Amino acid sequence: MEGVILQKDNDLIDSFTRDCSLRNMSKETVRSYISNLRVFKGFLDEEGLGLLQVNRNVLKDFILYLREVRKNSQKRIQNDFSALNCFYEYMVYEGVVDRNPVLEVRKRYLRRYKGSDPPGERKLISVEQMSDLIDSILDPKDKAMAMVLAKTGVRRGELIRMDLEDVNWEELSITLKPTPKRSNRLVFFDDECARVLRRWLEIRPKIAKPEESALFVSEARNRINRNSVYEAITKWAKRIGLHDPSSPKMEDHFSPHNFRHWFTTHLIRNGMKREYVKELRGDARREAIDLYNHIDREELRKSYSAHVPKLGI
């Protein structure tokens, strides 16, 4: 019986994975959803239950398990339940179950109330602090990753997917891989970023596999992953007091996404037009007028060069 439930659950997860792809979710979103779903399935296995035997009591026990056994933060638990909610909504859509059991539990136990558990603000560091951070990084690859994140404002997943051929050294630009989240795929970098990046590329051939096309590679000689980027950035940020992993406050943490926050804020503070900042960030074009507002490439590059913060690296 357990073998039948196990196979049925695996088939449901595979079906859900295909559905996520059909809905054009990003690969990272799908990966995160399936990872969270596997954690839930592992919990159910211990209880001798399957994915179709879930009710509010099981879900309440799962919250306690995440909080007390896995020591997950409230935000992490909310993310877990976002994945479960999406899965059971799909089960309802396919007619596998009559109702989504996650909705009521999520609303009652994971809802944010005004004045309670304030999320805090993401840490914003100064130009001088960013300079100190990058200057403190001794590893050439880590320094290059940090510099590219700071000077382009790209997301972690976009950094991971960069290939050697994506870099235009004449224009000092990088063409990003297409994703559902991004409209403009072109980002620029400046001379000081180019110098740091070239230092990494001088030693890259000694590390990367000959056939590997990725711009940044791991010690395993292939493309870096999300965890390796996170661990590299937080390691150096912690060393100079910018990242406190033991603190529950968001403002005490510094992760790869803080570079995007820094990039955006300081471009605006330096006087760049907001529509240019949005273009460089690759924000989705939500309004009809955005579709017709074509920004000249050379004008955008010149504006970037004039407004991007200089770090003196």
Protein backbone atom coordinates (compact mmCIF):
# COMPACT_ATOMS: atom_id res chain seq x y z
CA MET A 1 0.00 0.00 0.00
CA GLU A 2 2.85 2.37 0.91
CA GLY A 3 4.49 1.68 -2.45
CA VAL A 4 1.26 2.56 -4.27
CA ILE A 5 0.95 5.86 -2.35
CA LEU A 6 4.61 6.65 -3.00
CA GLN A 7 4.26 6.08 -6.75
CA LYS A 8 1.01 8.04 -6.88
CA ASP A 9 2.61 10.98 -5.05
CA ASN A 10 5.60 10.97 -7.39
CA ASP A 11 3.29 10.96 -10.41
CA LEU A 12 1.35 13.92 -8.98
CA ILE A 13 4.55 15.90 -8.41
CA ASP A 14 5.74 15.14 -11.95
CA SER A 15 2.38 16.27 -13.33
CA PHE A 16 2.53 19.46 -11.25
CA THR A 17 6.07 20.15 -12.51
CA ARG A 18 4.88 19.96 -16.12
CA ASP A 19 1.96 22.25 -15.31
CA CYS A 20 4.31 24.87 -13.84
CA SER A 21 6.37 24.78 -17.02
CA LEU A 22 3.25 25.15 -19.17
CA ARG A 23 2.35 28.22 -17.11
CA ASN A 24 5.76 29.67 -18.09
CA MET A 25 7.04 29.90 -14.52
CA SER A 26 10.75 30.57 -14.25
CA LYS A 27 13.01 27.56 -13.74
CA GLU A 28 14.00 28.90 -10.32
CA THR A 29 10.36 29.21 -9.20
CA VAL A 30 9.64 25.66 -10.33
CA ARG A 31 12.79 24.40 -8.60
CA SER A 32 11.79 26.16 -5.37
CA TYR A 33 8.21 24.85 -5.48
CA ILE A 34 9.31 21.26 -6.07
CA SER A 35 11.96 21.50 -3.35
CA ASN A 36 9.35 22.72 -0.85
CA LEU A 37 6.93 20.03 -1.98
CA ARG A 38 9.58 17.34 -1.46
CA VAL A 39 10.09 18.54 2.13
CA PHE A 40 6.35 18.24 2.70
CA LYS A 41 6.29 14.79 1.13
CA GLY A 42 9.16 13.70 3.42
CA PHE A 43 7.11 14.84 6.40
CA LEU A 44 4.07 12.91 5.14
CA ASP A 45 6.18 9.78 4.60
CA GLU A 46 7.17 9.87 8.26
CA GLU A 47 3.48 10.10 9.17
CA GLY A 48 2.51 7.27 6.81
CA LEU A 49 0.38 9.62 4.70
CA GLY A 50 0.13 10.57 1.05
CA LEU A 51 -0.43 13.91 -0.69
CA LEU A 52 -4.13 13.13 -1.13
CA GLN A 53 -4.66 12.39 2.58
CA VAL A 54 -3.95 15.92 3.79
CA ASN A 55 -6.33 17.92 5.99
CA ARG A 56 -6.09 20.94 8.28
CA ASN A 57 -4.70 18.92 11.19
CA VAL A 58 -1.90 17.50 9.06
CA LEU A 59 -1.04 21.00 7.83
CA LYS A 60 -1.02 22.41 11.38
CA ASP A 61 1.37 19.64 12.40
CA PHE A 62 3.53 20.51 9.40
CA ILE A 63 3.76 24.14 10.55
CA LEU A 64 4.98 22.96 13.95
CA TYR A 65 7.45 20.61 12.27
CA LEU A 66 8.89 23.42 10.14
CA ARG A 67 9.07 25.78 13.10
CA GLU A 68 10.33 23.47 15.85
CA VAL A 69 12.25 20.72 14.05
CA ARG A 70 13.63 22.44 10.95
CA LYS A 71 13.87 25.83 12.75
CA ASN A 72 12.46 27.66 9.72
CA SER A 73 11.66 31.36 9.95
CA GLN A 74 8.09 32.58 9.55
CA LYS A 75 8.93 33.90 6.09
CA ARG A 76 10.37 30.54 5.06
CA ILE A 77 7.24 28.76 6.30
CA GLN A 78 5.11 31.18 4.29
CA ASN A 79 7.16 30.30 1.21
CA ASP A 80 6.64 26.59 1.88
CA PHE A 81 2.90 27.11 2.06
CA SER A 82 2.87 29.20 -1.12
CA ALA A 83 4.23 26.13 -2.90
CA LEU A 84 1.67 23.84 -1.23
CA ASN A 85 -1.15 26.23 -2.09
CA CYS A 86 -0.11 26.26 -5.75
CA PHE A 87 0.10 22.46 -5.79
CA TYR A 88 -3.35 21.90 -4.29
CA GLU A 89 -4.89 24.57 -6.52
CA TYR A 90 -3.62 22.47 -9.41
CA MET A 91 -5.10 19.33 -7.82
CA VAL A 92 -8.50 21.09 -7.66
CA TYR A 93 -8.14 22.24 -11.27
CA GLU A 94 -7.45 18.69 -12.42
CA GLY A 95 -10.36 17.33 -10.38
CA VAL A 96 -8.09 15.16 -8.23
CA VAL A 97 -9.40 16.76 -5.02
CA ASP A 98 -12.60 18.69 -4.30
CA ARG A 99 -11.03 21.53 -2.32
CA ASN A 100 -7.72 23.10 -1.47
CA PRO A 101 -6.96 22.31 2.23
CA VAL A 102 -4.13 24.85 2.39
CA LEU A 103 -6.26 28.00 2.03
CA GLU A 104 -7.92 28.04 5.44
CA VAL A 105 -4.78 27.00 7.33
CA ARG A 106 -2.65 29.55 5.53
CA LYS A 107 -5.15 32.33 6.20
CA ARG A 108 -5.47 31.54 9.90
CA TYR A 109 -1.90 30.72 10.90
CA LEU A 110 0.37 32.42 8.35
CA ARG A 111 -1.41 35.68 7.71
CA ARG A 112 0.49 38.92 8.40
CA TYR A 113 -1.21 41.37 10.71
CA LYS A 114 -0.44 45.07 10.83
CA GLY A 115 1.84 45.90 13.72
CA SER A 116 2.97 42.30 14.25
CA ASP A 117 6.15 40.63 13.06
CA PRO A 118 7.31 43.66 11.06
CA PRO A 119 9.24 42.57 7.97
CA GLY A 120 11.85 45.31 8.34
CA GLU A 121 13.63 46.99 5.48
CA ARG A 122 16.28 45.47 3.27
CA LYS A 123 19.76 46.69 4.21
CA LEU A 124 20.99 49.58 2.08
CA ILE A 125 24.71 50.24 2.36
CA SER A 126 26.59 53.35 1.29
CA VAL A 127 28.90 53.61 -1.71
CA GLU A 128 31.84 53.62 0.72
CA GLN A 129 30.60 50.41 2.39
CA MET A 130 30.18 48.73 -0.98
CA SER A 131 33.71 49.75 -1.86
CA ASP A 132 34.98 48.32 1.45
CA LEU A 133 33.08 45.08 0.89
CA ILE A 134 34.38 44.42 -2.61
CA ASP A 135 37.89 45.59 -1.72
CA SER A 136 37.93 43.07 1.15
CA ILE A 137 37.17 40.10 -1.10
CA LEU A 138 40.38 38.19 -1.77
CA ASP A 139 39.07 35.45 -4.06
CA PRO A 140 39.14 36.71 -7.70
CA LYS A 141 35.94 34.90 -8.68
CA ASP A 142 33.99 36.10 -5.64
CA LYS A 143 35.26 39.66 -6.18
CA ALA A 144 34.20 39.54 -9.85
CA MET A 145 30.74 38.18 -8.97
CA ALA A 146 30.23 40.91 -6.37
CA MET A 147 31.38 43.61 -8.77
CA VAL A 148 29.09 42.40 -11.56
CA LEU A 149 26.14 42.24 -9.15
CA ALA A 150 26.87 45.77 -7.91
CA LYS A 151 27.47 47.35 -11.30
CA THR A 152 24.61 45.68 -13.21
CA GLY A 153 21.90 45.12 -10.61
CA VAL A 154 21.13 41.68 -12.04
CA ARG A 155 19.34 38.97 -10.11
CA ARG A 156 21.26 36.00 -8.75
CA GLY A 157 19.73 33.65 -11.32
CA GLU A 158 20.73 36.00 -14.14
CA LEU A 159 24.32 36.05 -12.90
CA ILE A 160 24.40 32.25 -12.77
CA ARG A 161 23.22 31.90 -16.37
CA MET A 162 25.82 34.29 -17.84
CA ASP A 163 28.10 32.74 -20.45
CA LEU A 164 31.46 33.94 -21.73
CA GLU A 165 29.94 34.82 -25.10
CA ASP A 166 27.34 37.08 -23.47
CA VAL A 167 29.98 39.70 -22.60
CA ASN A 168 30.58 42.47 -25.15
CA TRP A 169 33.99 43.91 -24.27
CA GLU A 170 33.85 46.69 -26.87
CA GLU A 171 30.57 48.09 -25.52
CA LEU A 172 31.13 46.89 -21.92
CA SER A 173 27.74 45.21 -21.84
CA ILE A 174 26.24 41.82 -21.05
CA THR A 175 23.28 40.25 -22.84
CA LEU A 176 21.27 38.25 -20.31
CA LYS A 177 19.36 35.07 -20.97
CA PRO A 178 15.61 35.59 -21.52
CA THR A 179 13.36 35.10 -18.49
CA PRO A 180 9.67 35.81 -17.84
CA LYS A 181 10.63 38.42 -15.21
CA ARG A 182 12.84 40.55 -17.44
CA SER A 183 11.95 42.85 -20.34
CA ASN A 184 15.28 44.47 -21.31
CA ARG A 185 18.08 41.88 -21.46
CA LEU A 186 20.95 44.35 -21.93
CA VAL A 187 23.00 45.57 -18.94
CA PHE A 188 26.18 47.62 -18.85
CA PHE A 189 29.29 47.61 -16.69
CA ASP A 190 32.10 50.14 -16.33
CA ASP A 191 35.90 50.19 -16.52
CA GLU A 192 36.54 49.26 -12.90
CA CYS A 193 34.16 46.31 -13.18
CA ALA A 194 35.94 45.30 -16.41
CA ARG A 195 39.31 45.25 -14.64
CA VAL A 196 38.06 42.98 -11.86
CA LEU A 197 36.26 40.71 -14.32
CA ARG A 198 39.37 40.35 -16.49
CA ARG A 199 41.43 39.32 -13.45
CA TRP A 200 38.98 36.46 -12.87
CA LEU A 201 39.06 35.46 -16.54
CA GLU A 202 42.86 35.21 -16.42
CA ILE A 203 42.64 32.31 -13.96
CA ARG A 204 39.30 30.85 -15.08
CA PRO A 205 40.89 28.47 -17.69
CA LYS A 206 42.80 26.76 -14.87
CA ILE A 207 39.54 26.00 -13.04
CA ALA A 208 36.79 25.49 -15.64
CA LYS A 209 36.29 22.39 -17.72
CA PRO A 210 37.41 23.01 -21.33
CA GLU A 211 33.85 22.69 -22.66
CA GLU A 212 32.23 24.82 -19.92
CA SER A 213 30.69 28.04 -21.30
CA ALA A 214 29.63 29.62 -17.99
CA LEU A 215 31.18 32.96 -17.06
CA PHE A 216 31.45 31.90 -13.41
CA VAL A 217 32.36 28.34 -12.43
CA SER A 218 32.64 26.50 -9.12
CA GLU A 219 35.43 24.41 -7.65
CA ALA A 220 33.68 21.46 -9.29
CA ARG A 221 34.72 23.14 -12.60
CA ASN A 222 31.16 23.68 -13.84
CA ARG A 223 28.56 26.44 -13.63
CA ILE A 224 27.97 27.98 -10.20
CA ASN A 225 24.61 27.53 -8.47
CA ARG A 226 22.42 29.71 -6.26
CA ASN A 227 23.83 28.39 -3.00
CA SER A 228 27.45 28.98 -3.99
CA VAL A 229 26.69 32.62 -4.90
CA TYR A 230 24.83 33.16 -1.62
CA GLU A 231 27.56 31.54 0.48
CA ALA A 232 30.30 33.53 -1.24
CA ILE A 233 28.61 36.90 -0.77
CA THR A 234 27.47 36.36 2.80
CA LYS A 235 30.89 35.01 3.82
CA TRP A 236 32.68 38.22 2.87
CA ALA A 237 29.83 40.47 4.08
CA LYS A 238 29.95 38.75 7.46
CA ARG A 239 33.70 39.32 7.76
CA ILE A 240 33.31 43.10 7.63
CA GLY A 241 30.17 43.22 9.76
CA LEU A 242 27.53 43.71 7.08
CA HIS A 243 25.84 40.32 7.54
CA ASP A 244 24.62 38.78 10.79
CA PRO A 245 23.17 35.32 10.04
CA SER A 246 21.96 34.90 13.64
CA SER A 247 19.73 37.99 13.56
CA PRO A 248 16.00 37.62 12.73
CA LYS A 249 15.93 41.18 11.34
CA MET A 250 16.11 41.65 7.59
CA GLU A 251 18.14 44.83 7.97
CA ASP A 252 20.95 42.83 9.63
CA HIS A 253 21.41 40.59 6.61
CA PHE A 254 23.32 41.16 3.38
CA SER A 255 22.60 38.75 0.52
CA PRO A 256 23.03 38.83 -3.28
CA HIS A 257 19.71 40.66 -3.68
CA ASN A 258 21.06 43.61 -1.66
CA PHE A 259 23.26 44.48 -4.64
CA ARG A 260 20.15 45.04 -6.78
CA HIS A 261 18.67 47.26 -4.06
CA TRP A 262 21.96 49.20 -3.83
CA PHE A 263 22.25 49.55 -7.62
CA THR A 264 18.72 50.91 -8.00
CA THR A 265 18.83 53.31 -5.08
CA HIS A 266 22.17 54.89 -5.89
CA LEU A 267 21.39 55.35 -9.58
CA ILE A 268 18.27 57.27 -8.56
CA ARG A 269 20.19 59.26 -5.95
CA ASN A 270 22.79 60.15 -8.58
CA GLY A 271 20.05 61.64 -10.75
CA MET A 272 19.36 58.99 -13.38
CA LYS A 273 15.92 59.18 -14.99
CA ARG A 274 13.55 56.66 -13.48
CA GLU A 275 12.61 55.22 -16.87
CA TYR A 276 16.32 54.51 -17.49
CA VAL A 277 16.64 52.82 -14.09
CA LYS A 278 13.61 50.66 -14.89
CA GLU A 279 15.13 49.75 -18.25
CA LEU A 280 18.43 48.70 -16.70
CA ARG A 281 16.62 46.70 -14.03
CA GLY A 282 14.64 44.95 -16.76
CA ASP A 283 11.33 45.58 -14.97
CA ALA A 284 8.29 44.10 -16.72
CA ARG A 285 6.41 46.53 -18.95
CA ARG A 286 2.97 46.58 -17.40
CA GLU A 287 1.36 49.57 -19.06
CA ALA A 288 0.56 50.01 -22.75
CA ILE A 289 2.66 53.16 -22.93
CA ASP A 290 5.72 51.21 -21.75
CA LEU A 291 5.53 49.02 -24.85
CA TYR A 292 6.00 52.04 -27.11
CA ASN A 293 8.58 53.85 -24.99
CA HIS A 294 11.73 52.69 -26.77
CA ILE A 295 14.90 54.00 -25.14
CA ASP A 296 17.92 54.62 -27.37
CA ARG A 297 20.68 52.10 -26.57
CA GLU A 298 23.56 54.58 -26.84
CA GLU A 299 21.71 57.16 -24.78
CA LEU A 300 21.09 54.54 -22.10
CA ARG A 301 24.76 53.54 -22.07
CA LYS A 302 25.92 57.15 -21.69
CA SER A 303 23.44 57.74 -18.88
CA TYR A 304 24.67 54.60 -17.13
CA SER A 305 28.30 55.71 -17.37
CA ALA A 306 27.41 59.10 -15.95
CA HIS A 307 25.40 57.85 -12.98
CA VAL A 308 26.76 54.46 -11.88
CA PRO A 309 28.60 54.82 -8.53
CA LYS A 310 32.41 54.61 -8.68
CA LEU A 311 34.00 52.36 -6.08
CA GLY A 312 37.68 53.05 -6.63
CA ILE A 313 38.49 49.35 -6.93
